[in-house]
Structures are given as C-alpha cells and as structure tokens.
Amino acid sequence: TQTGIKLFRTEKIRPVLKVMKTGRFSFDIEILA
C-alpha cells in the first residue's frame, strides 16, 4: 500500500478524497480501503 507511485482515474477518486480524514503517511491505506 505504501509505494510512492499510484495512478487514479480522476473523476472516480475525487469524491474519495473529499471524505478522507488522514493527512500524513496513512493516506495511501485510507484511499485504498
């Protein structure tokens, strides 16, 4: 979950970003979960 390269379909990931709570290194796991 932690490797520093990821690609997203923008329109699909934008709403996910808006409900996320973490701001540091756990960002990756939250977006994938």
Full PDB file with SEQRES, HELIX, SHEET, SSBOND, CRYST1, ORIGX, SCALE, CONECT and MASTER records, all heavy atoms in Angstrom:
SEQRES   1 A   33  THR GLN THR GLY ILE LYS LEU PHE ARG THR GLU LYS ILE          
SEQRES   2 A   33  ARG PRO VAL LEU LYS VAL MET LYS THR GLY ARG PHE SER          
SEQRES   3 A   33  PHE ASP ILE GLU ILE LEU ALA                                  
HELIX    1 AA1 THR A   10  VAL A   19  1                                  10    
HELIX    2 AA2 PHE A   27  LEU A   32  1                                   6    
CRYST1    1.000    1.000    1.000  90.00  90.00  90.00 P 1           1          
ORIGX1      1.000000  0.000000  0.000000        0.00000                         
ORIGX2      0.000000  1.000000  0.000000        0.00000                         
ORIGX3      0.000000  0.000000  1.000000        0.00000                         
SCALE1      1.000000  0.000000  0.000000        0.00000                         
SCALE2      0.000000  1.000000  0.000000        0.00000                         
SCALE3      0.000000  0.000000  1.000000        0.00000                         
ATOM      1  N   THR A   1       0.806  -1.222   0.000  1.00  0.00           N  
ATOM      2  CA  THR A   1       0.000   0.000   0.000  1.00  0.00           C  
ATOM      3  C   THR A   1       0.842   1.277   0.000  1.00  0.00           C  
ATOM      4  O   THR A   1       0.328   2.355  -0.285  1.00  0.00           O  
ATOM      5  CB  THR A   1      -0.922   0.042   1.229  1.00  0.00           C  
ATOM      6  OG1 THR A   1      -0.119   0.060   2.427  1.00  0.00           O  
ATOM      7  CG2 THR A   1      -1.841  -1.169   1.261  1.00  0.00           C  
ATOM      8  N   GLN A   2       2.136   1.180   0.309  1.00  0.00           N  
ATOM      9  CA  GLN A   2       2.914   2.373   0.629  1.00  0.00           C  
ATOM     10  C   GLN A   2       3.879   2.857  -0.450  1.00  0.00           C  
ATOM     11  O   GLN A   2       4.509   3.891  -0.274  1.00  0.00           O  
ATOM     12  CB  GLN A   2       3.712   2.127   1.911  1.00  0.00           C  
ATOM     13  CG  GLN A   2       2.851   1.815   3.135  1.00  0.00           C  
ATOM     14  CD  GLN A   2       1.801   2.860   3.398  1.00  0.00           C  
ATOM     15  OE1 GLN A   2       0.620   2.579   3.312  1.00  0.00           O  
ATOM     16  NE2 GLN A   2       2.214   4.071   3.713  1.00  0.00           N  
ATOM     17  N   THR A   3       4.037   2.131  -1.537  1.00  0.00           N  
ATOM     18  CA  THR A   3       4.987   2.558  -2.570  1.00  0.00           C  
ATOM     19  C   THR A   3       4.540   3.882  -3.184  1.00  0.00           C  
ATOM     20  O   THR A   3       3.364   4.069  -3.509  1.00  0.00           O  
ATOM     21  CB  THR A   3       5.118   1.473  -3.653  1.00  0.00           C  
ATOM     22  OG1 THR A   3       5.672   0.301  -3.050  1.00  0.00           O  
ATOM     23  CG2 THR A   3       6.036   1.923  -4.773  1.00  0.00           C  
ATOM     24  N   GLY A   4       5.496   4.793  -3.374  1.00  0.00           N  
ATOM     25  CA  GLY A   4       5.197   6.175  -3.743  1.00  0.00           C  
ATOM     26  C   GLY A   4       4.947   6.434  -5.205  1.00  0.00           C  
ATOM     27  O   GLY A   4       5.466   7.410  -5.757  1.00  0.00           O  
ATOM     28  N   ILE A   5       4.145   5.588  -5.845  1.00  0.00           N  
ATOM     29  CA  ILE A   5       3.681   5.856  -7.204  1.00  0.00           C  
ATOM     30  C   ILE A   5       2.321   5.184  -7.374  1.00  0.00           C  
ATOM     31  O   ILE A   5       2.183   3.978  -7.199  1.00  0.00           O  
ATOM     32  CB  ILE A   5       4.693   5.368  -8.267  1.00  0.00           C  
ATOM     33  CG1 ILE A   5       4.219   5.738  -9.683  1.00  0.00           C  
ATOM     34  CG2 ILE A   5       4.978   3.883  -8.142  1.00  0.00           C  
ATOM     35  CD1 ILE A   5       5.269   5.513 -10.764  1.00  0.00           C  
ATOM     36  N   LYS A   6       1.321   5.989  -7.665  1.00  0.00           N  
ATOM     37  CA  LYS A   6      -0.045   5.487  -7.845  1.00  0.00           C  
ATOM     38  C   LYS A   6      -0.734   6.309  -8.932  1.00  0.00           C  
ATOM     39  O   LYS A   6      -0.473   7.506  -9.076  1.00  0.00           O  
ATOM     40  CB  LYS A   6      -0.828   5.567  -6.537  1.00  0.00           C  
ATOM     41  CG  LYS A   6      -0.347   4.597  -5.468  1.00  0.00           C  
ATOM     42  CD  LYS A   6      -1.142   4.726  -4.178  1.00  0.00           C  
ATOM     43  CE  LYS A   6      -0.734   3.654  -3.162  1.00  0.00           C  
ATOM     44  NZ  LYS A   6       0.648   3.793  -2.701  1.00  0.00           N  
ATOM     45  N   LEU A   7      -1.630   5.650  -9.646  1.00  0.00           N  
ATOM     46  CA  LEU A   7      -2.359   6.292 -10.741  1.00  0.00           C  
ATOM     47  C   LEU A   7      -3.852   6.111 -10.509  1.00  0.00           C  
ATOM     48  O   LEU A   7      -4.306   5.017 -10.157  1.00  0.00           O  
ATOM     49  CB  LEU A   7      -1.953   5.671 -12.076  1.00  0.00           C  
ATOM     50  CG  LEU A   7      -2.695   6.168 -13.315  1.00  0.00           C  
ATOM     51  CD1 LEU A   7      -2.103   7.515 -13.759  1.00  0.00           C  
ATOM     52  CD2 LEU A   7      -2.597   5.163 -14.451  1.00  0.00           C  
ATOM     53  N   PHE A   8      -4.622   7.172 -10.737  1.00  0.00           N  
ATOM     54  CA  PHE A   8      -6.062   7.142 -10.477  1.00  0.00           C  
ATOM     55  C   PHE A   8      -6.835   7.672 -11.682  1.00  0.00           C  
ATOM     56  O   PHE A   8      -6.365   8.565 -12.387  1.00  0.00           O  
ATOM     57  CB  PHE A   8      -6.418   8.030  -9.276  1.00  0.00           C  
ATOM     58  CG  PHE A   8      -5.606   7.763  -8.045  1.00  0.00           C  
ATOM     59  CD1 PHE A   8      -4.511   8.553  -7.736  1.00  0.00           C  
ATOM     60  CD2 PHE A   8      -5.939   6.725  -7.189  1.00  0.00           C  
ATOM     61  CE1 PHE A   8      -3.757   8.326  -6.597  1.00  0.00           C  
ATOM     62  CE2 PHE A   8      -5.190   6.484  -6.040  1.00  0.00           C  
ATOM     63  CZ  PHE A   8      -4.103   7.285  -5.752  1.00  0.00           C  
ATOM     64  N   ARG A   9      -8.045   7.133 -11.873  1.00  0.00           N  
ATOM     65  CA  ARG A   9      -8.993   7.773 -12.772  1.00  0.00           C  
ATOM     66  C   ARG A   9      -9.589   8.940 -12.000  1.00  0.00           C  
ATOM     67  O   ARG A   9     -10.278   8.753 -11.000  1.00  0.00           O  
ATOM     68  CB  ARG A   9     -10.066   6.778 -13.205  1.00  0.00           C  
ATOM     69  CG  ARG A   9     -10.915   7.280 -14.382  1.00  0.00           C  
ATOM     70  CD  ARG A   9     -11.984   6.272 -14.742  1.00  0.00           C  
ATOM     71  NE  ARG A   9     -11.410   5.011 -15.186  1.00  0.00           N  
ATOM     72  CZ  ARG A   9     -11.046   4.726 -16.430  1.00  0.00           C  
ATOM     73  NH1 ARG A   9     -11.193   5.646 -17.375  1.00  0.00           N  
ATOM     74  NH2 ARG A   9     -10.553   3.549 -16.741  1.00  0.00           N  
ATOM     75  N   THR A  10      -9.318  10.143 -12.454  1.00  0.00           N  
ATOM     76  CA  THR A  10      -9.558  11.343 -11.654  1.00  0.00           C  
ATOM     77  C   THR A  10     -11.005  11.481 -11.195  1.00  0.00           C  
ATOM     78  O   THR A  10     -11.270  11.773 -10.019  1.00  0.00           O  
ATOM     79  CB  THR A  10      -9.132  12.603 -12.428  1.00  0.00           C  
ATOM     80  OG1 THR A  10      -7.792  12.433 -12.911  1.00  0.00           O  
ATOM     81  CG2 THR A  10      -9.187  13.836 -11.543  1.00  0.00           C  
ATOM     82  N   GLU A  11     -11.960  11.299 -12.096  1.00  0.00           N  
ATOM     83  CA  GLU A  11     -13.363  11.516 -11.732  1.00  0.00           C  
ATOM     84  C   GLU A  11     -13.838  10.526 -10.671  1.00  0.00           C  
ATOM     85  O   GLU A  11     -14.769  10.822  -9.905  1.00  0.00           O  
ATOM     86  CB  GLU A  11     -14.247  11.420 -12.977  1.00  0.00           C  
ATOM     87  CG  GLU A  11     -14.297  10.034 -13.604  1.00  0.00           C  
ATOM     88  CD  GLU A  11     -15.313   9.947 -14.725  1.00  0.00           C  
ATOM     89  OE1 GLU A  11     -16.129  10.872 -14.843  1.00  0.00           O  
ATOM     90  OE2 GLU A  11     -15.291   8.961 -15.487  1.00  0.00           O  
ATOM     91  N   LYS A  12     -13.205   9.351 -10.604  1.00  0.00           N  
ATOM     92  CA  LYS A  12     -13.605   8.344  -9.629  1.00  0.00           C  
ATOM     93  C   LYS A  12     -12.969   8.575  -8.260  1.00  0.00           C  
ATOM     94  O   LYS A  12     -13.564   8.273  -7.222  1.00  0.00           O  
ATOM     95  CB  LYS A  12     -13.219   6.948 -10.137  1.00  0.00           C  
ATOM     96  CG  LYS A  12     -14.004   6.482 -11.341  1.00  0.00           C  
ATOM     97  CD  LYS A  12     -15.452   6.201 -10.965  1.00  0.00           C  
ATOM     98  CE  LYS A  12     -16.210   5.573 -12.103  1.00  0.00           C  
ATOM     99  NZ  LYS A  12     -17.605   5.232 -11.748  1.00  0.00           N  
ATOM    100  N   ILE A  13     -11.762   9.103  -8.254  1.00  0.00           N  
ATOM    101  CA  ILE A  13     -11.045   9.236  -6.987  1.00  0.00           C  
ATOM    102  C   ILE A  13     -11.356  10.549  -6.275  1.00  0.00           C  
ATOM    103  O   ILE A  13     -11.193  10.655  -5.054  1.00  0.00           O  
ATOM    104  CB  ILE A  13      -9.524   9.088  -7.207  1.00  0.00           C  
ATOM    105  CG1 ILE A  13      -8.876   8.466  -5.967  1.00  0.00           C  
ATOM    106  CG2 ILE A  13      -8.862  10.415  -7.569  1.00  0.00           C  
ATOM    107  CD1 ILE A  13      -9.323   7.082  -5.641  1.00  0.00           C  
ATOM    108  N   ARG A  14     -11.838  11.545  -7.006  1.00  0.00           N  
ATOM    109  CA  ARG A  14     -12.090  12.848  -6.377  1.00  0.00           C  
ATOM    110  C   ARG A  14     -13.068  12.764  -5.206  1.00  0.00           C  
ATOM    111  O   ARG A  14     -12.805  13.319  -4.127  1.00  0.00           O  
ATOM    112  CB  ARG A  14     -12.567  13.851  -7.438  1.00  0.00           C  
ATOM    113  CG  ARG A  14     -12.701  15.268  -6.902  1.00  0.00           C  
ATOM    114  CD  ARG A  14     -13.039  16.257  -7.989  1.00  0.00           C  
ATOM    115  NE  ARG A  14     -11.868  16.573  -8.800  1.00  0.00           N  
ATOM    116  CZ  ARG A  14     -11.766  16.326 -10.094  1.00  0.00           C  
ATOM    117  NH1 ARG A  14     -12.749  15.737 -10.735  1.00  0.00           N  
ATOM    118  NH2 ARG A  14     -10.680  16.671 -10.762  1.00  0.00           N  
ATOM    119  N   PRO A  15     -14.230  12.088  -5.347  1.00  0.00           N  
ATOM    120  CA  PRO A  15     -15.126  12.002  -4.184  1.00  0.00           C  
ATOM    121  C   PRO A  15     -14.536  11.229  -3.006  1.00  0.00           C  
ATOM    122  O   PRO A  15     -14.855  11.515  -1.848  1.00  0.00           O  
ATOM    123  CB  PRO A  15     -16.365  11.289  -4.743  1.00  0.00           C  
ATOM    124  CG  PRO A  15     -15.926  10.640  -5.999  1.00  0.00           C  
ATOM    125  CD  PRO A  15     -14.843  11.507  -6.545  1.00  0.00           C  
ATOM    126  N   VAL A  16     -13.667  10.264  -3.280  1.00  0.00           N  
ATOM    127  CA  VAL A  16     -12.992   9.534  -2.205  1.00  0.00           C  
ATOM    128  C   VAL A  16     -12.112  10.481  -1.407  1.00  0.00           C  
ATOM    129  O   VAL A  16     -12.103  10.469  -0.169  1.00  0.00           O  
ATOM    130  CB  VAL A  16     -12.157   8.363  -2.765  1.00  0.00           C  
ATOM    131  CG1 VAL A  16     -11.350   7.691  -1.653  1.00  0.00           C  
ATOM    132  CG2 VAL A  16     -13.050   7.351  -3.465  1.00  0.00           C  
ATOM    133  N   LEU A  17     -11.391  11.335  -2.102  1.00  0.00           N  
ATOM    134  CA  LEU A  17     -10.503  12.290  -1.441  1.00  0.00           C  
ATOM    135  C   LEU A  17     -11.270  13.230  -0.515  1.00  0.00           C  
ATOM    136  O   LEU A  17     -10.768  13.637   0.531  1.00  0.00           O  
ATOM    137  CB  LEU A  17      -9.745  13.106  -2.488  1.00  0.00           C  
ATOM    138  CG  LEU A  17      -8.802  12.331  -3.406  1.00  0.00           C  
ATOM    139  CD1 LEU A  17      -8.276  13.240  -4.501  1.00  0.00           C  
ATOM    140  CD2 LEU A  17      -7.655  11.734  -2.620  1.00  0.00           C  
ATOM    141  N   LYS A  18     -12.485  13.554  -0.899  1.00  0.00           N  
ATOM    142  CA  LYS A  18     -13.253  14.538  -0.134  1.00  0.00           C  
ATOM    143  C   LYS A  18     -13.791  13.994   1.192  1.00  0.00           C  
ATOM    144  O   LYS A  18     -14.203  14.778   2.053  1.00  0.00           O  
ATOM    145  CB  LYS A  18     -14.395  15.078  -0.994  1.00  0.00           C  
ATOM    146  CG  LYS A  18     -13.898  15.947  -2.150  1.00  0.00           C  
ATOM    147  CD  LYS A  18     -15.049  16.516  -2.954  1.00  0.00           C  
ATOM    148  CE  LYS A  18     -14.534  17.420  -4.073  1.00  0.00           C  
ATOM    149  NZ  LYS A  18     -15.628  18.019  -4.878  1.00  0.00           N  
ATOM    150  N   VAL A  19     -13.789  12.665   1.359  1.00  0.00           N  
ATOM    151  CA  VAL A  19     -14.278  12.099   2.622  1.00  0.00           C  
ATOM    152  C   VAL A  19     -13.140  11.565   3.493  1.00  0.00           C  
ATOM    153  O   VAL A  19     -13.374  11.067   4.589  1.00  0.00           O  
ATOM    154  CB  VAL A  19     -15.314  10.977   2.381  1.00  0.00           C  
ATOM    155  CG1 VAL A  19     -16.494  11.516   1.589  1.00  0.00           C  
ATOM    156  CG2 VAL A  19     -14.693   9.776   1.679  1.00  0.00           C  
ATOM    157  N   MET A  20     -11.913  11.693   3.021  1.00  0.00           N  
ATOM    158  CA  MET A  20     -10.783  11.161   3.768  1.00  0.00           C  
ATOM    159  C   MET A  20     -10.445  12.023   4.982  1.00  0.00           C  
ATOM    160  O   MET A  20     -10.689  13.224   4.988  1.00  0.00           O  
ATOM    161  CB  MET A  20      -9.565  11.018   2.849  1.00  0.00           C  
ATOM    162  CG  MET A  20      -9.725   9.911   1.828  1.00  0.00           C  
ATOM    163  SD  MET A  20      -8.348   9.823   0.651  1.00  0.00           S  
ATOM    164  CE  MET A  20      -6.982   9.497   1.766  1.00  0.00           C  
ATOM    165  N   LYS A  21      -9.864  11.376   5.999  1.00  0.00           N  
ATOM    166  CA  LYS A  21      -9.560  12.053   7.254  1.00  0.00           C  
ATOM    167  C   LYS A  21      -8.068  12.175   7.545  1.00  0.00           C  
ATOM    168  O   LYS A  21      -7.649  13.074   8.259  1.00  0.00           O  
ATOM    169  CB  LYS A  21     -10.226  11.310   8.418  1.00  0.00           C  
ATOM    170  CG  LYS A  21     -11.740  11.224   8.324  1.00  0.00           C  
ATOM    171  CD  LYS A  21     -12.398  12.584   8.395  1.00  0.00           C  
ATOM    172  CE  LYS A  21     -13.917  12.471   8.383  1.00  0.00           C  
ATOM    173  NZ  LYS A  21     -14.566  13.804   8.362  1.00  0.00           N  
ATOM    174  N   THR A  22      -7.255  11.240   7.051  1.00  0.00           N  
ATOM    175  CA  THR A  22      -5.836  11.250   7.389  1.00  0.00           C  
ATOM    176  C   THR A  22      -5.065  12.187   6.472  1.00  0.00           C  
ATOM    177  O   THR A  22      -5.420  12.371   5.308  1.00  0.00           O  
ATOM    178  CB  THR A  22      -5.226   9.835   7.300  1.00  0.00           C  
ATOM    179  OG1 THR A  22      -5.445   9.314   5.980  1.00  0.00           O  
ATOM    180  CG2 THR A  22      -5.856   8.913   8.316  1.00  0.00           C  
ATOM    181  N   GLY A  23      -3.975  12.752   7.011  1.00  0.00           N  
ATOM    182  CA  GLY A  23      -3.216  13.721   6.228  1.00  0.00           C  
ATOM    183  C   GLY A  23      -1.763  13.382   6.040  1.00  0.00           C  
ATOM    184  O   GLY A  23      -1.051  14.086   5.340  1.00  0.00           O  
ATOM    185  N   ARG A  24      -1.293  12.288   6.662  1.00  0.00           N  
ATOM    186  CA  ARG A  24       0.130  12.005   6.573  1.00  0.00           C  
ATOM    187  C   ARG A  24       0.377  10.658   5.911  1.00  0.00           C  
ATOM    188  O   ARG A  24      -0.170  10.368   4.856  1.00  0.00           O  
ATOM    189  CB  ARG A  24       0.765  12.136   7.959  1.00  0.00           C  
ATOM    190  CG  ARG A  24       0.690  13.583   8.472  1.00  0.00           C  
ATOM    191  CD  ARG A  24       1.494  13.839   9.716  1.00  0.00           C  
ATOM    192  NE  ARG A  24       1.377  15.249  10.089  1.00  0.00           N  
ATOM    193  CZ  ARG A  24       2.195  16.201   9.650  1.00  0.00           C  
ATOM    194  NH1 ARG A  24       3.198  15.913   8.836  1.00  0.00           N  
ATOM    195  NH2 ARG A  24       2.020  17.460  10.022  1.00  0.00           N  
ATOM    196  N   PHE A  25       1.196   9.803   6.513  1.00  0.00           N  
ATOM    197  CA  PHE A  25       1.644   8.603   5.817  1.00  0.00           C  
ATOM    198  C   PHE A  25       0.561   7.535   5.668  1.00  0.00           C  
ATOM    199  O   PHE A  25       0.731   6.600   4.897  1.00  0.00           O  
ATOM    200  CB  PHE A  25       2.861   8.019   6.529  1.00  0.00           C  
ATOM    201  CG  PHE A  25       4.071   8.908   6.464  1.00  0.00           C  
ATOM    202  CD1 PHE A  25       4.508   9.590   7.583  1.00  0.00           C  
ATOM    203  CD2 PHE A  25       4.754   9.078   5.275  1.00  0.00           C  
ATOM    204  CE1 PHE A  25       5.620  10.424   7.529  1.00  0.00           C  
ATOM    205  CE2 PHE A  25       5.861   9.904   5.193  1.00  0.00           C  
ATOM    206  CZ  PHE A  25       6.300  10.578   6.320  1.00  0.00           C  
ATOM    207  N   SER A  26      -0.538   7.651   6.387  1.00  0.00           N  
ATOM    208  CA  SER A  26      -1.616   6.668   6.266  1.00  0.00           C  
ATOM    209  C   SER A  26      -2.570   7.005   5.129  1.00  0.00           C  
ATOM    210  O   SER A  26      -3.561   6.311   4.918  1.00  0.00           O  
ATOM    211  CB  SER A  26      -2.393   6.574   7.580  1.00  0.00           C  
ATOM    212  OG  SER A  26      -1.548   6.140   8.624  1.00  0.00           O  
ATOM    213  N   PHE A  27      -2.263   8.061   4.396  1.00  0.00           N  
ATOM    214  CA  PHE A  27      -3.074   8.465   3.251  1.00  0.00           C  
ATOM    215  C   PHE A  27      -3.291   7.303   2.288  1.00  0.00           C  
ATOM    216  O   PHE A  27      -4.405   7.047   1.823  1.00  0.00           O  
ATOM    217  CB  PHE A  27      -2.392   9.634   2.542  1.00  0.00           C  
ATOM    218  CG  PHE A  27      -2.843   9.861   1.129  1.00  0.00           C  
ATOM    219  CD1 PHE A  27      -3.974  10.606   0.870  1.00  0.00           C  
ATOM    220  CD2 PHE A  27      -2.127   9.330   0.064  1.00  0.00           C  
ATOM    221  CE1 PHE A  27      -4.402  10.817  -0.437  1.00  0.00           C  
ATOM    222  CE2 PHE A  27      -2.536   9.534  -1.232  1.00  0.00           C  
ATOM    223  CZ  PHE A  27      -3.684  10.286  -1.487  1.00  0.00           C  
ATOM    224  N   ASP A  28      -2.216   6.583   1.973  1.00  0.00           N  
ATOM    225  CA  ASP A  28      -2.289   5.511   0.980  1.00  0.00           C  
ATOM    226  C   ASP A  28      -3.291   4.440   1.384  1.00  0.00           C  
ATOM    227  O   ASP A  28      -4.104   3.994   0.573  1.00  0.00           O  
ATOM    228  CB  ASP A  28      -0.914   4.864   0.789  1.00  0.00           C  
ATOM    229  CG  ASP A  28       0.156   5.857   0.388  1.00  0.00           C  
ATOM    230  OD1 ASP A  28       0.632   6.600   1.264  1.00  0.00           O  
ATOM    231  OD2 ASP A  28       0.524   5.885  -0.788  1.00  0.00           O  
ATOM    232  N   ILE A  29      -3.215   4.007   2.632  1.00  0.00           N  
ATOM    233  CA  ILE A  29      -4.093   2.934   3.084  1.00  0.00           C  
ATOM    234  C   ILE A  29      -5.541   3.393   3.117  1.00  0.00           C  
ATOM    235  O   ILE A  29      -6.462   2.620   2.783  1.00  0.00           O  
ATOM    236  CB  ILE A  29      -3.639   2.380   4.451  1.00  0.00           C  
ATOM    237  CG1 ILE A  29      -4.481   1.154   4.830  1.00  0.00           C  
ATOM    238  CG2 ILE A  29      -3.706   3.418   5.544  1.00  0.00           C  
ATOM    239  CD1 ILE A  29      -4.350  -0.007   3.900  1.00  0.00           C  
ATOM    240  N   GLU A  30      -5.784   4.647   3.474  1.00  0.00           N  
ATOM    241  CA  GLU A  30      -7.160   5.121   3.536  1.00  0.00           C  
ATOM    242  C   GLU A  30      -7.789   5.183   2.151  1.00  0.00           C  
ATOM    243  O   GLU A  30      -8.931   4.747   1.953  1.00  0.00           O  
ATOM    244  CB  GLU A  30      -7.248   6.488   4.208  1.00  0.00           C  
ATOM    245  CG  GLU A  30      -8.695   6.936   4.386  1.00  0.00           C  
ATOM    246  CD  GLU A  30      -8.841   8.240   5.154  1.00  0.00           C  
ATOM    247  OE1 GLU A  30      -7.835   8.948   5.347  1.00  0.00           O  
ATOM    248  OE2 GLU A  30      -9.980   8.538   5.557  1.00  0.00           O  
ATOM    249  N   ILE A  31      -7.063   5.698   1.188  1.00  0.00           N  
ATOM    250  CA  ILE A  31      -7.633   5.817  -0.154  1.00  0.00           C  
ATOM    251  C   ILE A  31      -7.907   4.444  -0.762  1.00  0.00           C  
ATOM    252  O   ILE A  31      -8.916   4.223  -1.436  1.00  0.00           O  
ATOM    253  CB  ILE A  31      -6.710   6.669  -1.066  1.00  0.00           C  
ATOM    254  CG1 ILE A  31      -7.496   7.175  -2.278  1.00  0.00           C  
ATOM    255  CG2 ILE A  31      -5.482   5.911  -1.520  1.00  0.00           C  
ATOM    256  CD1 ILE A  31      -6.744   8.227  -3.083  1.00  0.00           C  
ATOM    257  N   LEU A  32      -7.036   3.474  -0.471  1.00  0.00           N  
ATOM    258  CA  LEU A  32      -7.237   2.120  -0.990  1.00  0.00           C  
ATOM    259  C   LEU A  32      -8.356   1.397  -0.248  1.00  0.00           C  
ATOM    260  O   LEU A  32      -9.120   0.640  -0.850  1.00  0.00           O  
ATOM    261  CB  LEU A  32      -5.940   1.327  -0.908  1.00  0.00           C  
ATOM    262  CG  LEU A  32      -4.798   1.808  -1.804  1.00  0.00           C  
ATOM    263  CD1 LEU A  32      -3.524   1.013  -1.534  1.00  0.00           C  
ATOM    264  CD2 LEU A  32      -5.178   1.716  -3.272  1.00  0.00           C  
ATOM    265  N   ALA A  33      -8.460   1.625   1.050  1.00  0.00           N  
ATOM    266  CA  ALA A  33      -9.507   0.975   1.838  1.00  0.00           C  
ATOM    267  C   ALA A  33     -10.894   1.460   1.416  1.00  0.00           C  
ATOM    268  O   ALA A  33     -11.816   0.657   1.225  1.00  0.00           O  
ATOM    269  CB  ALA A  33      -9.284   1.232   3.323  1.00  0.00           C  
TER     270      ALA A  33                                                      
MASTER        0    0    0    2    0    0    0    6  269    1    0    3          
END                                                                             
